[in-house]
Amino acid sequence: MSRAESNVLVDNWFERRSLALDLVWMAAFSLLTASLAQLRIPLPFTPVPLTGQTFAVLLSGAALGRRRAFLSQALYLLEGAAGLPVFSGGAAHVAQLLGPTGGYLWSYPFVAGLLGGLVERGASRRAWKLALALAFSDVLILISGTLWLRHFFAIPYREAAIQGFWPFLIGDALKVALVGISLPRILERLGSAGASPAARPGGDEKQDNSSSFVDNNRS
C-alpha cells in the first residue's frame, strides 16, 4: 500500500515501513502517554485524577493503527510495572495496576488497538467517522475504570459512576474533538502531497518512478 493510500497517519510520513521504524513509533507513543500522565489534576471527591493519558491513548490508536497502538500502550504498562515513573504523579510499581485506577490502565492497550483497527478500515478519512470511533473508544476506557472502581471499593454502580465516569466526560469530549477534527485534515494534506504527478491535473503520465519520487518530495 502506498503512503497516499494508507489510512494510518504515520504510514503517510515515510515511503516504506520497517521494524526499526515501528519500534521507534511504539516507544515514542509509550513515552507520550507517560509524559501526559504527569499532567495531573486531583479531584476531591474521587481517587481518580484528571490526566492527559487518555488523549495519548486515543492519539496512538488514531495515528499508529491496530498492532502498533496496542503494543505502544502495552509497553507503557510494562515500563510502569518494571519500576519506571511513568504512571500518574510519577508512580512506578506493578501495584499501580491493581490500585483504584487499574481499570483505566488495563484498558489502554485494548482500546488503542480497537481504535487502530477502526482507523485501518477508514475511520480516519472522515471527521464524523473518526469522532464516533474516538468517542466509543473513550467511553470504553471510562466504563472499564468505573467497573474496576466499583469492584475495588465494593460500592454501588451509581457511586462508582459518580467517581469514575461522569466527571471526565467534558474533558474527554475535548480530547475526542481535538483528535477527530485534526487527523482527517492531516491525512488529506499528506495524501495530496503523496499523489503521483500523473494523478494531478496536467501531470505527465510518462514520467518514470524516480522523477515521481523527486516531485513528491518537492510538493
N, C-alpha and C. Protein backbone atom coordinates (compact mmCIF):
# COMPACT_ATOMS: atom_id res chain seq x y z
N MET A 1 0.84 -1.19 0.00
CA MET A 1 0.00 0.00 0.00
C MET A 1 0.88 1.24 0.00
N SER A 2 0.60 2.20 -0.86
CA SER A 2 1.40 3.42 -0.91
C SER A 2 1.02 4.34 0.21
N ARG A 3 1.89 5.30 0.47
CA ARG A 3 1.61 6.20 1.58
C ARG A 3 0.39 7.06 1.32
N ALA A 4 0.07 7.33 0.05
CA ALA A 4 -1.11 8.12 -0.26
C ALA A 4 -2.40 7.33 -0.02
N GLU A 5 -2.32 5.99 -0.01
CA GLU A 5 -3.49 5.15 0.14
C GLU A 5 -3.72 4.74 1.58
N SER A 6 -2.76 4.88 2.46
CA SER A 6 -2.86 4.38 3.82
C SER A 6 -3.80 5.24 4.65
N ASN A 7 -4.61 4.58 5.48
CA ASN A 7 -5.48 5.28 6.42
C ASN A 7 -4.78 5.57 7.73
N VAL A 8 -3.57 5.05 7.91
CA VAL A 8 -2.82 5.20 9.15
C VAL A 8 -1.86 6.38 9.01
N LEU A 9 -1.95 7.31 9.94
CA LEU A 9 -1.22 8.57 9.82
C LEU A 9 0.27 8.39 9.65
N VAL A 10 0.91 7.61 10.51
CA VAL A 10 2.37 7.53 10.48
C VAL A 10 2.88 6.87 9.21
N ASP A 11 2.06 6.05 8.56
CA ASP A 11 2.48 5.41 7.32
C ASP A 11 2.51 6.38 6.15
N ASN A 12 1.93 7.57 6.34
CA ASN A 12 1.94 8.58 5.30
C ASN A 12 3.16 9.49 5.38
N TRP A 13 4.00 9.28 6.39
CA TRP A 13 5.17 10.13 6.56
C TRP A 13 6.44 9.54 5.96
N PHE A 14 6.41 8.25 5.67
CA PHE A 14 7.59 7.59 5.13
C PHE A 14 7.17 6.69 3.97
N GLU A 15 8.07 6.54 3.01
CA GLU A 15 7.77 5.73 1.83
C GLU A 15 7.60 4.26 2.19
N ARG A 16 8.41 3.77 3.13
CA ARG A 16 8.37 2.36 3.47
C ARG A 16 8.36 2.16 4.98
N ARG A 17 7.69 1.09 5.40
CA ARG A 17 7.71 0.70 6.81
C ARG A 17 8.89 -0.20 7.07
N SER A 18 9.34 -0.21 8.31
CA SER A 18 10.40 -1.12 8.73
C SER A 18 10.19 -1.45 10.19
N LEU A 19 10.77 -2.55 10.63
CA LEU A 19 10.65 -2.95 12.03
C LEU A 19 11.25 -1.89 12.94
N ALA A 20 12.40 -1.35 12.55
CA ALA A 20 13.05 -0.33 13.37
C ALA A 20 12.16 0.90 13.52
N LEU A 21 11.54 1.31 12.42
CA LEU A 21 10.67 2.48 12.46
C LEU A 21 9.43 2.21 13.32
N ASP A 22 8.86 1.02 13.21
CA ASP A 22 7.71 0.67 14.04
C ASP A 22 8.08 0.70 15.52
N LEU A 23 9.25 0.20 15.87
CA LEU A 23 9.70 0.22 17.26
C LEU A 23 9.86 1.65 17.77
N VAL A 24 10.35 2.52 16.91
CA VAL A 24 10.51 3.93 17.29
C VAL A 24 9.14 4.55 17.58
N TRP A 25 8.18 4.30 16.70
CA TRP A 25 6.84 4.85 16.90
C TRP A 25 6.21 4.33 18.19
N MET A 26 6.35 3.03 18.45
CA MET A 26 5.75 2.46 19.65
C MET A 26 6.39 3.02 20.91
N ALA A 27 7.71 3.15 20.91
CA ALA A 27 8.40 3.72 22.06
C ALA A 27 8.01 5.18 22.25
N ALA A 28 7.90 5.91 21.15
CA ALA A 28 7.56 7.33 21.23
C ALA A 28 6.17 7.53 21.84
N PHE A 29 5.21 6.72 21.42
CA PHE A 29 3.86 6.90 21.95
C PHE A 29 3.73 6.37 23.37
N SER A 30 4.52 5.40 23.76
CA SER A 30 4.52 4.98 25.16
C SER A 30 5.06 6.11 26.04
N LEU A 31 6.08 6.80 25.55
CA LEU A 31 6.64 7.93 26.29
C LEU A 31 5.68 9.12 26.29
N LEU A 32 4.93 9.29 25.21
CA LEU A 32 3.92 10.35 25.19
C LEU A 32 2.87 10.10 26.26
N THR A 33 2.41 8.87 26.38
CA THR A 33 1.44 8.53 27.43
C THR A 33 2.03 8.80 28.80
N ALA A 34 3.30 8.43 28.99
CA ALA A 34 3.96 8.66 30.27
C ALA A 34 4.07 10.15 30.57
N SER A 35 4.38 10.94 29.56
CA SER A 35 4.52 12.39 29.75
C SER A 35 3.19 13.03 30.11
N LEU A 36 2.14 12.67 29.38
CA LEU A 36 0.83 13.27 29.63
C LEU A 36 0.21 12.76 30.93
N ALA A 37 0.70 11.63 31.44
CA ALA A 37 0.23 11.14 32.74
C ALA A 37 0.64 12.09 33.86
N GLN A 38 1.68 12.88 33.62
CA GLN A 38 2.15 13.80 34.65
C GLN A 38 1.32 15.09 34.69
N LEU A 39 0.49 15.31 33.66
CA LEU A 39 -0.46 16.42 33.70
C LEU A 39 -1.65 15.97 34.55
N ARG A 40 -1.58 16.25 35.81
CA ARG A 40 -2.47 15.62 36.78
C ARG A 40 -3.20 16.68 37.60
N ILE A 41 -4.54 16.58 37.62
CA ILE A 41 -5.36 17.47 38.43
C ILE A 41 -6.18 16.61 39.39
N PRO A 42 -5.83 16.59 40.68
CA PRO A 42 -6.60 15.78 41.64
C PRO A 42 -8.01 16.34 41.82
N LEU A 43 -8.95 15.46 42.03
CA LEU A 43 -10.33 15.85 42.31
C LEU A 43 -10.67 15.42 43.73
N PRO A 44 -11.36 16.28 44.50
CA PRO A 44 -11.58 16.00 45.92
C PRO A 44 -12.55 14.85 46.20
N PHE A 45 -13.39 14.50 45.26
CA PHE A 45 -14.45 13.53 45.51
C PHE A 45 -14.18 12.16 44.89
N THR A 46 -12.98 11.97 44.33
CA THR A 46 -12.67 10.70 43.68
C THR A 46 -11.17 10.44 43.74
N PRO A 47 -10.76 9.18 43.82
CA PRO A 47 -9.33 8.86 43.80
C PRO A 47 -8.74 8.92 42.39
N VAL A 48 -9.57 9.18 41.41
CA VAL A 48 -9.12 9.22 40.01
C VAL A 48 -8.87 10.67 39.61
N PRO A 49 -7.64 11.04 39.27
CA PRO A 49 -7.35 12.42 38.87
C PRO A 49 -7.64 12.64 37.38
N LEU A 50 -7.76 13.89 37.02
CA LEU A 50 -7.77 14.25 35.60
C LEU A 50 -6.34 14.21 35.08
N THR A 51 -6.12 13.51 33.99
CA THR A 51 -4.78 13.44 33.39
C THR A 51 -4.90 13.54 31.87
N GLY A 52 -3.74 13.59 31.22
CA GLY A 52 -3.72 13.60 29.77
C GLY A 52 -3.53 12.24 29.15
N GLN A 53 -3.55 11.19 29.96
CA GLN A 53 -3.26 9.84 29.46
C GLN A 53 -4.22 9.40 28.35
N THR A 54 -5.50 9.64 28.56
CA THR A 54 -6.46 9.15 27.57
C THR A 54 -6.27 9.82 26.22
N PHE A 55 -5.81 11.07 26.22
CA PHE A 55 -5.52 11.73 24.94
C PHE A 55 -4.43 10.98 24.20
N ALA A 56 -3.38 10.58 24.93
CA ALA A 56 -2.28 9.84 24.31
C ALA A 56 -2.75 8.48 23.81
N VAL A 57 -3.62 7.83 24.57
CA VAL A 57 -4.13 6.52 24.16
C VAL A 57 -4.94 6.64 22.87
N LEU A 58 -5.83 7.61 22.84
CA LEU A 58 -6.65 7.81 21.64
C LEU A 58 -5.79 8.22 20.45
N LEU A 59 -4.82 9.07 20.69
CA LEU A 59 -3.96 9.51 19.59
C LEU A 59 -3.13 8.35 19.05
N SER A 60 -2.69 7.47 19.93
CA SER A 60 -1.90 6.32 19.47
C SER A 60 -2.74 5.42 18.57
N GLY A 61 -3.99 5.17 18.96
CA GLY A 61 -4.86 4.37 18.12
C GLY A 61 -5.15 5.03 16.79
N ALA A 62 -5.38 6.34 16.83
CA ALA A 62 -5.72 7.06 15.61
C ALA A 62 -4.53 7.19 14.67
N ALA A 63 -3.32 7.24 15.22
CA ALA A 63 -2.14 7.52 14.40
C ALA A 63 -1.34 6.28 14.02
N LEU A 64 -1.39 5.22 14.84
CA LEU A 64 -0.48 4.09 14.64
C LEU A 64 -1.12 2.88 13.96
N GLY A 65 -2.43 2.75 14.05
CA GLY A 65 -3.03 1.51 13.58
C GLY A 65 -3.08 0.46 14.68
N ARG A 66 -3.71 -0.66 14.39
CA ARG A 66 -4.09 -1.64 15.42
C ARG A 66 -2.91 -2.20 16.22
N ARG A 67 -1.96 -2.83 15.55
CA ARG A 67 -0.91 -3.55 16.28
C ARG A 67 0.04 -2.61 16.99
N ARG A 68 0.49 -1.58 16.30
CA ARG A 68 1.45 -0.66 16.93
C ARG A 68 0.82 0.11 18.08
N ALA A 69 -0.46 0.46 17.95
CA ALA A 69 -1.14 1.16 19.03
C ALA A 69 -1.26 0.26 20.26
N PHE A 70 -1.69 -0.98 20.04
CA PHE A 70 -1.79 -1.93 21.16
C PHE A 70 -0.44 -2.08 21.84
N LEU A 71 0.61 -2.31 21.07
CA LEU A 71 1.93 -2.57 21.64
C LEU A 71 2.52 -1.33 22.31
N SER A 72 2.20 -0.15 21.79
CA SER A 72 2.73 1.07 22.42
C SER A 72 2.18 1.24 23.83
N GLN A 73 0.90 0.93 24.01
CA GLN A 73 0.30 1.07 25.34
C GLN A 73 0.64 -0.10 26.25
N ALA A 74 0.81 -1.29 25.67
CA ALA A 74 1.30 -2.42 26.46
C ALA A 74 2.71 -2.13 26.97
N LEU A 75 3.52 -1.50 26.12
CA LEU A 75 4.87 -1.12 26.53
C LEU A 75 4.82 -0.10 27.67
N TYR A 76 3.88 0.82 27.59
CA TYR A 76 3.71 1.81 28.66
C TYR A 76 3.43 1.11 30.00
N LEU A 77 2.53 0.15 30.00
CA LEU A 77 2.22 -0.57 31.24
C LEU A 77 3.42 -1.37 31.73
N LEU A 78 4.17 -1.97 30.82
CA LEU A 78 5.36 -2.71 31.21
C LEU A 78 6.41 -1.79 31.81
N GLU A 79 6.55 -0.60 31.27
CA GLU A 79 7.50 0.37 31.82
C GLU A 79 7.16 0.69 33.27
N GLY A 80 5.87 0.93 33.53
CA GLY A 80 5.46 1.23 34.90
C GLY A 80 5.61 0.04 35.82
N ALA A 81 5.24 -1.14 35.35
CA ALA A 81 5.37 -2.35 36.16
C ALA A 81 6.82 -2.65 36.48
N ALA A 82 7.73 -2.25 35.59
CA ALA A 82 9.16 -2.50 35.79
C ALA A 82 9.82 -1.49 36.73
N GLY A 83 9.07 -0.47 37.13
CA GLY A 83 9.61 0.48 38.08
C GLY A 83 9.93 1.85 37.54
N LEU A 84 9.65 2.09 36.27
CA LEU A 84 9.87 3.43 35.72
C LEU A 84 8.73 4.35 36.14
N PRO A 85 9.02 5.60 36.48
CA PRO A 85 7.99 6.52 37.00
C PRO A 85 7.11 7.09 35.90
N VAL A 86 6.32 6.24 35.27
CA VAL A 86 5.54 6.67 34.11
C VAL A 86 4.06 6.85 34.41
N PHE A 87 3.61 6.34 35.54
CA PHE A 87 2.20 6.48 35.86
C PHE A 87 1.91 7.86 36.42
N SER A 88 0.64 8.16 36.60
CA SER A 88 0.23 9.48 37.06
C SER A 88 0.92 9.86 38.37
N GLY A 89 1.45 11.08 38.40
CA GLY A 89 2.14 11.55 39.58
C GLY A 89 3.51 10.95 39.78
N GLY A 90 4.06 10.31 38.75
CA GLY A 90 5.38 9.69 38.86
C GLY A 90 5.37 8.35 39.57
N ALA A 91 4.19 7.77 39.75
CA ALA A 91 4.11 6.46 40.40
C ALA A 91 4.76 5.40 39.52
N ALA A 92 5.35 4.41 40.19
CA ALA A 92 6.08 3.38 39.44
C ALA A 92 6.08 2.07 40.22
N HIS A 93 5.11 1.23 39.94
CA HIS A 93 5.09 -0.08 40.59
C HIS A 93 3.96 -0.89 39.98
N VAL A 94 4.13 -2.21 39.98
CA VAL A 94 3.08 -3.06 39.45
C VAL A 94 1.80 -2.93 40.27
N ALA A 95 1.93 -2.52 41.54
CA ALA A 95 0.75 -2.35 42.38
C ALA A 95 -0.18 -1.27 41.84
N GLN A 96 0.35 -0.35 41.07
CA GLN A 96 -0.47 0.71 40.47
C GLN A 96 -1.53 0.11 39.54
N LEU A 97 -1.18 -1.00 38.93
CA LEU A 97 -2.12 -1.66 38.02
C LEU A 97 -3.25 -2.36 38.77
N LEU A 98 -3.07 -2.52 40.07
CA LEU A 98 -4.09 -3.16 40.89
C LEU A 98 -4.77 -2.18 41.83
N GLY A 99 -4.43 -0.90 41.72
CA GLY A 99 -5.00 0.13 42.56
C GLY A 99 -6.30 0.68 42.01
N PRO A 100 -6.78 1.81 42.55
CA PRO A 100 -8.07 2.36 42.14
C PRO A 100 -8.17 2.70 40.66
N THR A 101 -7.04 3.08 40.04
CA THR A 101 -7.08 3.45 38.63
C THR A 101 -6.69 2.30 37.69
N GLY A 102 -6.56 1.10 38.25
CA GLY A 102 -6.13 -0.04 37.44
C GLY A 102 -7.05 -0.35 36.27
N GLY A 103 -8.34 -0.14 36.45
CA GLY A 103 -9.29 -0.43 35.38
C GLY A 103 -9.07 0.43 34.15
N TYR A 104 -8.69 1.67 34.37
CA TYR A 104 -8.37 2.54 33.24
C TYR A 104 -7.08 2.07 32.55
N LEU A 105 -6.07 1.80 33.37
CA LEU A 105 -4.76 1.44 32.81
C LEU A 105 -4.83 0.17 31.98
N TRP A 106 -5.49 -0.85 32.50
CA TRP A 106 -5.56 -2.12 31.78
C TRP A 106 -6.28 -1.98 30.44
N SER A 107 -7.18 -1.02 30.35
CA SER A 107 -7.95 -0.87 29.11
C SER A 107 -7.14 -0.20 28.00
N TYR A 108 -6.06 0.49 28.34
CA TYR A 108 -5.35 1.29 27.34
C TYR A 108 -4.90 0.49 26.12
N PRO A 109 -4.19 -0.63 26.27
CA PRO A 109 -3.75 -1.35 25.07
C PRO A 109 -4.91 -1.84 24.21
N PHE A 110 -5.95 -2.35 24.85
CA PHE A 110 -7.06 -2.93 24.10
C PHE A 110 -7.87 -1.85 23.37
N VAL A 111 -8.08 -0.73 24.05
CA VAL A 111 -8.82 0.36 23.41
C VAL A 111 -8.01 0.98 22.28
N ALA A 112 -6.71 1.17 22.51
CA ALA A 112 -5.86 1.71 21.45
C ALA A 112 -5.85 0.79 20.24
N GLY A 113 -5.76 -0.52 20.48
CA GLY A 113 -5.78 -1.48 19.38
C GLY A 113 -7.10 -1.49 18.64
N LEU A 114 -8.20 -1.41 19.39
CA LEU A 114 -9.52 -1.38 18.77
C LEU A 114 -9.68 -0.14 17.89
N LEU A 115 -9.31 1.01 18.43
CA LEU A 115 -9.40 2.24 17.66
C LEU A 115 -8.49 2.18 16.43
N GLY A 116 -7.30 1.63 16.60
CA GLY A 116 -6.40 1.48 15.47
C GLY A 116 -6.99 0.62 14.37
N GLY A 117 -7.71 -0.43 14.75
CA GLY A 117 -8.37 -1.28 13.76
C GLY A 117 -9.46 -0.53 13.00
N LEU A 118 -10.21 0.31 13.71
CA LEU A 118 -11.24 1.12 13.05
C LEU A 118 -10.61 2.12 12.08
N VAL A 119 -9.49 2.69 12.49
CA VAL A 119 -8.78 3.63 11.62
C VAL A 119 -8.29 2.93 10.36
N GLU A 120 -7.75 1.74 10.51
CA GLU A 120 -7.27 0.99 9.34
C GLU A 120 -8.40 0.70 8.35
N ARG A 121 -9.61 0.64 8.85
CA ARG A 121 -10.77 0.38 7.99
C ARG A 121 -11.37 1.66 7.42
N GLY A 122 -10.73 2.79 7.66
CA GLY A 122 -11.16 4.03 7.01
C GLY A 122 -11.79 5.07 7.90
N ALA A 123 -11.85 4.84 9.21
CA ALA A 123 -12.49 5.82 10.09
C ALA A 123 -11.76 7.15 10.12
N SER A 124 -10.47 7.15 9.80
CA SER A 124 -9.69 8.39 9.87
C SER A 124 -9.91 9.31 8.69
N ARG A 125 -10.61 8.86 7.65
CA ARG A 125 -10.78 9.65 6.44
C ARG A 125 -11.92 10.66 6.53
N ARG A 126 -12.81 10.49 7.48
CA ARG A 126 -13.93 11.41 7.67
C ARG A 126 -13.99 11.81 9.13
N ALA A 127 -14.17 13.11 9.36
CA ALA A 127 -14.16 13.61 10.74
C ALA A 127 -15.26 12.97 11.57
N TRP A 128 -16.45 12.81 11.00
CA TRP A 128 -17.56 12.28 11.79
C TRP A 128 -17.35 10.80 12.14
N LYS A 129 -16.77 10.05 11.19
CA LYS A 129 -16.48 8.64 11.47
C LYS A 129 -15.43 8.50 12.56
N LEU A 130 -14.39 9.32 12.45
CA LEU A 130 -13.33 9.26 13.46
C LEU A 130 -13.85 9.71 14.81
N ALA A 131 -14.70 10.74 14.82
CA ALA A 131 -15.26 11.22 16.08
C ALA A 131 -16.07 10.12 16.78
N LEU A 132 -16.86 9.37 16.01
CA LEU A 132 -17.63 8.27 16.60
C LEU A 132 -16.71 7.18 17.14
N ALA A 133 -15.67 6.85 16.37
CA ALA A 133 -14.73 5.82 16.81
C ALA A 133 -14.00 6.26 18.07
N LEU A 134 -13.60 7.53 18.11
CA LEU A 134 -12.91 8.05 19.28
C LEU A 134 -13.82 8.08 20.50
N ALA A 135 -15.05 8.55 20.31
CA ALA A 135 -16.00 8.62 21.42
C ALA A 135 -16.29 7.23 21.98
N PHE A 136 -16.51 6.28 21.09
CA PHE A 136 -16.77 4.90 21.52
C PHE A 136 -15.58 4.35 22.30
N SER A 137 -14.38 4.59 21.80
CA SER A 137 -13.17 4.10 22.47
C SER A 137 -12.99 4.75 23.83
N ASP A 138 -13.25 6.05 23.90
CA ASP A 138 -13.10 6.75 25.17
C ASP A 138 -14.09 6.25 26.21
N VAL A 139 -15.32 6.02 25.78
CA VAL A 139 -16.34 5.50 26.71
C VAL A 139 -15.94 4.13 27.24
N LEU A 140 -15.32 3.31 26.40
CA LEU A 140 -14.85 2.01 26.86
C LEU A 140 -13.82 2.15 27.98
N ILE A 141 -12.92 3.13 27.85
CA ILE A 141 -11.94 3.37 28.92
C ILE A 141 -12.65 3.75 30.21
N LEU A 142 -13.63 4.66 30.10
CA LEU A 142 -14.35 5.11 31.29
C LEU A 142 -15.16 3.98 31.92
N ILE A 143 -15.78 3.16 31.10
CA ILE A 143 -16.55 2.03 31.64
C ILE A 143 -15.64 1.05 32.35
N SER A 144 -14.50 0.75 31.74
CA SER A 144 -13.55 -0.17 32.37
C SER A 144 -13.08 0.37 33.72
N GLY A 145 -12.75 1.65 33.75
CA GLY A 145 -12.31 2.25 35.00
C GLY A 145 -13.39 2.29 36.06
N THR A 146 -14.62 2.57 35.64
CA THR A 146 -15.74 2.64 36.57
C THR A 146 -16.06 1.27 37.17
N LEU A 147 -16.07 0.26 36.34
CA LEU A 147 -16.34 -1.10 36.83
C LEU A 147 -15.26 -1.55 37.81
N TRP A 148 -14.02 -1.18 37.52
CA TRP A 148 -12.94 -1.54 38.44
C TRP A 148 -13.09 -0.80 39.77
N LEU A 149 -13.46 0.47 39.72
CA LEU A 149 -13.69 1.22 40.96
C LEU A 149 -14.79 0.57 41.79
N ARG A 150 -15.84 0.17 41.13
CA ARG A 150 -16.94 -0.48 41.82
C ARG A 150 -16.47 -1.74 42.53
N HIS A 151 -15.63 -2.53 41.84
CA HIS A 151 -15.09 -3.75 42.43
C HIS A 151 -14.08 -3.44 43.53
N PHE A 152 -13.22 -2.47 43.30
CA PHE A 152 -12.13 -2.17 44.23
C PHE A 152 -12.66 -1.68 45.58
N PHE A 153 -13.64 -0.79 45.54
CA PHE A 153 -14.17 -0.20 46.78
C PHE A 153 -15.46 -0.87 47.24
N ALA A 154 -15.97 -1.83 46.46
CA ALA A 154 -17.23 -2.51 46.80
C ALA A 154 -18.35 -1.50 47.03
N ILE A 155 -18.51 -0.61 46.06
CA ILE A 155 -19.53 0.44 46.14
C ILE A 155 -20.58 0.20 45.07
N PRO A 156 -21.76 0.82 45.20
CA PRO A 156 -22.80 0.66 44.18
C PRO A 156 -22.35 1.24 42.83
N TYR A 157 -23.00 0.77 41.77
CA TYR A 157 -22.65 1.26 40.43
C TYR A 157 -22.84 2.77 40.31
N ARG A 158 -23.88 3.27 40.94
CA ARG A 158 -24.15 4.71 40.85
C ARG A 158 -23.01 5.51 41.45
N GLU A 159 -22.53 5.10 42.61
CA GLU A 159 -21.42 5.80 43.25
C GLU A 159 -20.14 5.66 42.42
N ALA A 160 -19.94 4.49 41.85
CA ALA A 160 -18.76 4.29 41.00
C ALA A 160 -18.79 5.21 39.79
N ALA A 161 -19.98 5.40 39.22
CA ALA A 161 -20.11 6.29 38.06
C ALA A 161 -19.84 7.74 38.44
N ILE A 162 -20.27 8.12 39.64
CA ILE A 162 -20.03 9.49 40.12
C ILE A 162 -18.53 9.74 40.29
N GLN A 163 -17.82 8.72 40.72
CA GLN A 163 -16.39 8.87 40.95
C GLN A 163 -15.53 8.64 39.70
N GLY A 164 -16.00 7.76 38.81
CA GLY A 164 -15.11 7.34 37.73
C GLY A 164 -15.58 7.57 36.32
N PHE A 165 -16.81 8.06 36.14
CA PHE A 165 -17.33 8.22 34.78
C PHE A 165 -17.75 9.66 34.47
N TRP A 166 -18.76 10.14 35.17
CA TRP A 166 -19.33 11.44 34.84
C TRP A 166 -18.35 12.61 34.93
N PRO A 167 -17.46 12.67 35.90
CA PRO A 167 -16.58 13.85 36.00
C PRO A 167 -15.64 14.03 34.82
N PHE A 168 -15.46 13.00 34.02
CA PHE A 168 -14.43 13.04 32.98
C PHE A 168 -14.99 13.21 31.56
N LEU A 169 -16.30 13.31 31.45
CA LEU A 169 -16.91 13.36 30.13
C LEU A 169 -16.56 14.64 29.36
N ILE A 170 -16.60 15.78 30.04
CA ILE A 170 -16.35 17.04 29.34
C ILE A 170 -14.91 17.11 28.84
N GLY A 171 -13.97 16.80 29.72
CA GLY A 171 -12.57 16.83 29.31
C GLY A 171 -12.27 15.84 28.20
N ASP A 172 -12.86 14.66 28.29
CA ASP A 172 -12.63 13.65 27.26
C ASP A 172 -13.28 14.04 25.95
N ALA A 173 -14.41 14.75 26.02
CA ALA A 173 -15.04 15.22 24.79
C ALA A 173 -14.14 16.20 24.05
N LEU A 174 -13.42 17.03 24.80
CA LEU A 174 -12.48 17.96 24.18
C LEU A 174 -11.33 17.21 23.51
N LYS A 175 -10.86 16.15 24.16
CA LYS A 175 -9.78 15.34 23.57
C LYS A 175 -10.24 14.68 22.28
N VAL A 176 -11.45 14.14 22.32
CA VAL A 176 -12.01 13.49 21.14
C VAL A 176 -12.14 14.49 19.99
N ALA A 177 -12.62 15.69 20.32
CA ALA A 177 -12.80 16.71 19.28
C ALA A 177 -11.47 17.12 18.67
N LEU A 178 -10.45 17.26 19.51
CA LEU A 178 -9.14 17.69 19.01
C LEU A 178 -8.56 16.69 18.03
N VAL A 179 -8.59 15.42 18.40
CA VAL A 179 -8.06 14.38 17.50
C VAL A 179 -8.97 14.19 16.29
N GLY A 180 -10.27 14.19 16.51
CA GLY A 180 -11.22 13.91 15.44
C GLY A 180 -11.25 14.96 14.36
N ILE A 181 -10.99 16.21 14.72
CA ILE A 181 -11.01 17.28 13.72
C ILE A 181 -9.70 17.37 12.97
N SER A 182 -8.60 17.20 13.68
CA SER A 182 -7.29 17.44 13.08
C SER A 182 -6.79 16.29 12.21
N LEU A 183 -7.01 15.05 12.62
CA LEU A 183 -6.39 13.92 11.93
C LEU A 183 -6.85 13.77 10.47
N PRO A 184 -8.16 13.83 10.17
CA PRO A 184 -8.55 13.71 8.76
C PRO A 184 -7.95 14.79 7.87
N ARG A 185 -7.81 16.00 8.40
CA ARG A 185 -7.22 17.08 7.61
C ARG A 185 -5.75 16.82 7.34
N ILE A 186 -5.05 16.30 8.34
CA ILE A 186 -3.63 15.98 8.14
C ILE A 186 -3.49 14.88 7.09
N LEU A 187 -4.33 13.86 7.19
CA LEU A 187 -4.28 12.77 6.21
C LEU A 187 -4.58 13.26 4.81
N GLU A 188 -5.55 14.17 4.70
CA GLU A 188 -5.91 14.70 3.39
C GLU A 188 -4.74 15.46 2.77
N ARG A 189 -4.06 16.25 3.57
CA ARG A 189 -2.92 17.01 3.06
C ARG A 189 -1.76 16.10 2.70
N LEU A 190 -1.51 15.10 3.54
CA LEU A 190 -0.43 14.17 3.24
C LEU A 190 -0.75 13.35 2.00
N GLY A 191 -2.02 12.98 1.84
CA GLY A 191 -2.42 12.24 0.66
C GLY A 191 -2.25 13.06 -0.60
N SER A 192 -2.58 14.36 -0.52
CA SER A 192 -2.40 15.23 -1.68
C SER A 192 -0.94 15.40 -2.01
N ALA A 193 -0.11 15.51 -0.98
CA ALA A 193 1.33 15.66 -1.20
C ALA A 193 1.94 14.40 -1.76
N GLY A 194 1.34 13.23 -1.43
CA GLY A 194 1.91 11.97 -1.88
C GLY A 194 1.37 11.48 -3.19
N ALA A 195 0.40 12.21 -3.78
CA ALA A 195 -0.16 11.77 -5.06
C ALA A 195 0.87 11.90 -6.16
N SER A 196 0.86 10.95 -7.08
CA SER A 196 1.83 10.97 -8.17
C SER A 196 1.51 12.09 -9.14
N PRO A 197 2.52 12.62 -9.86
CA PRO A 197 2.28 13.69 -10.82
C PRO A 197 1.26 13.30 -11.88
N ALA A 198 1.20 12.02 -12.25
CA ALA A 198 0.25 11.59 -13.27
C ALA A 198 -1.18 11.74 -12.79
N ALA A 199 -1.36 11.68 -11.44
CA ALA A 199 -2.72 11.79 -10.90
C ALA A 199 -3.14 13.23 -10.74
N ARG A 200 -2.21 14.17 -10.83
CA ARG A 200 -2.53 15.57 -10.67
C ARG A 200 -2.95 16.17 -12.01
N PRO A 201 -3.78 17.22 -11.99
CA PRO A 201 -4.16 17.87 -13.23
C PRO A 201 -2.92 18.37 -13.96
N GLY A 202 -2.80 18.02 -15.25
CA GLY A 202 -1.67 18.49 -16.02
C GLY A 202 -0.42 17.68 -15.82
N GLY A 203 -0.51 16.54 -15.05
CA GLY A 203 0.67 15.74 -14.75
C GLY A 203 1.11 14.97 -15.98
N ASP A 204 2.38 14.60 -16.03
CA ASP A 204 2.95 13.85 -17.14
C ASP A 204 2.92 12.37 -16.80
N GLU A 205 2.08 11.59 -17.48
CA GLU A 205 1.94 10.19 -17.18
C GLU A 205 3.16 9.39 -17.59
N LYS A 206 4.05 9.96 -18.40
CA LYS A 206 5.19 9.22 -18.90
C LYS A 206 6.42 9.37 -18.02
N GLN A 207 6.31 10.17 -16.94
CA GLN A 207 7.46 10.34 -16.07
C GLN A 207 7.78 9.02 -15.40
N ASP A 208 9.08 8.74 -15.21
CA ASP A 208 9.47 7.50 -14.57
C ASP A 208 9.32 7.60 -13.07
N ASN A 209 9.54 6.47 -12.38
CA ASN A 209 9.33 6.41 -10.94
C ASN A 209 10.26 7.34 -10.19
N SER A 210 11.49 7.45 -10.64
CA SER A 210 12.44 8.30 -9.93
C SER A 210 12.02 9.75 -9.99
N SER A 211 11.49 10.20 -11.15
CA SER A 211 11.03 11.58 -11.27
C SER A 211 9.82 11.82 -10.39
N SER A 212 8.91 10.82 -10.33
CA SER A 212 7.74 10.96 -9.48
C SER A 212 8.14 11.08 -8.03
N PHE A 213 9.14 10.28 -7.62
CA PHE A 213 9.57 10.33 -6.23
C PHE A 213 10.14 11.70 -5.89
N VAL A 214 10.93 12.26 -6.79
CA VAL A 214 11.51 13.58 -6.55
C VAL A 214 10.42 14.63 -6.46
N ASP A 215 9.45 14.57 -7.40
CA ASP A 215 8.39 15.56 -7.39
C ASP A 215 7.55 15.45 -6.14
N ASN A 216 7.32 14.21 -5.67
CA ASN A 216 6.54 14.04 -4.44
C ASN A 216 7.22 14.70 -3.27
N ASN A 217 8.54 14.59 -3.20
CA ASN A 217 9.25 15.18 -2.08
C ASN A 217 9.32 16.69 -2.17
N ARG A 218 9.14 17.24 -3.37
CA ARG A 218 9.15 18.69 -3.52
C ARG A 218 7.80 19.30 -3.21
N SER A 219 6.72 18.48 -3.32
CA SER A 219 5.39 19.03 -3.13
C SER A 219 5.11 19.31 -1.67
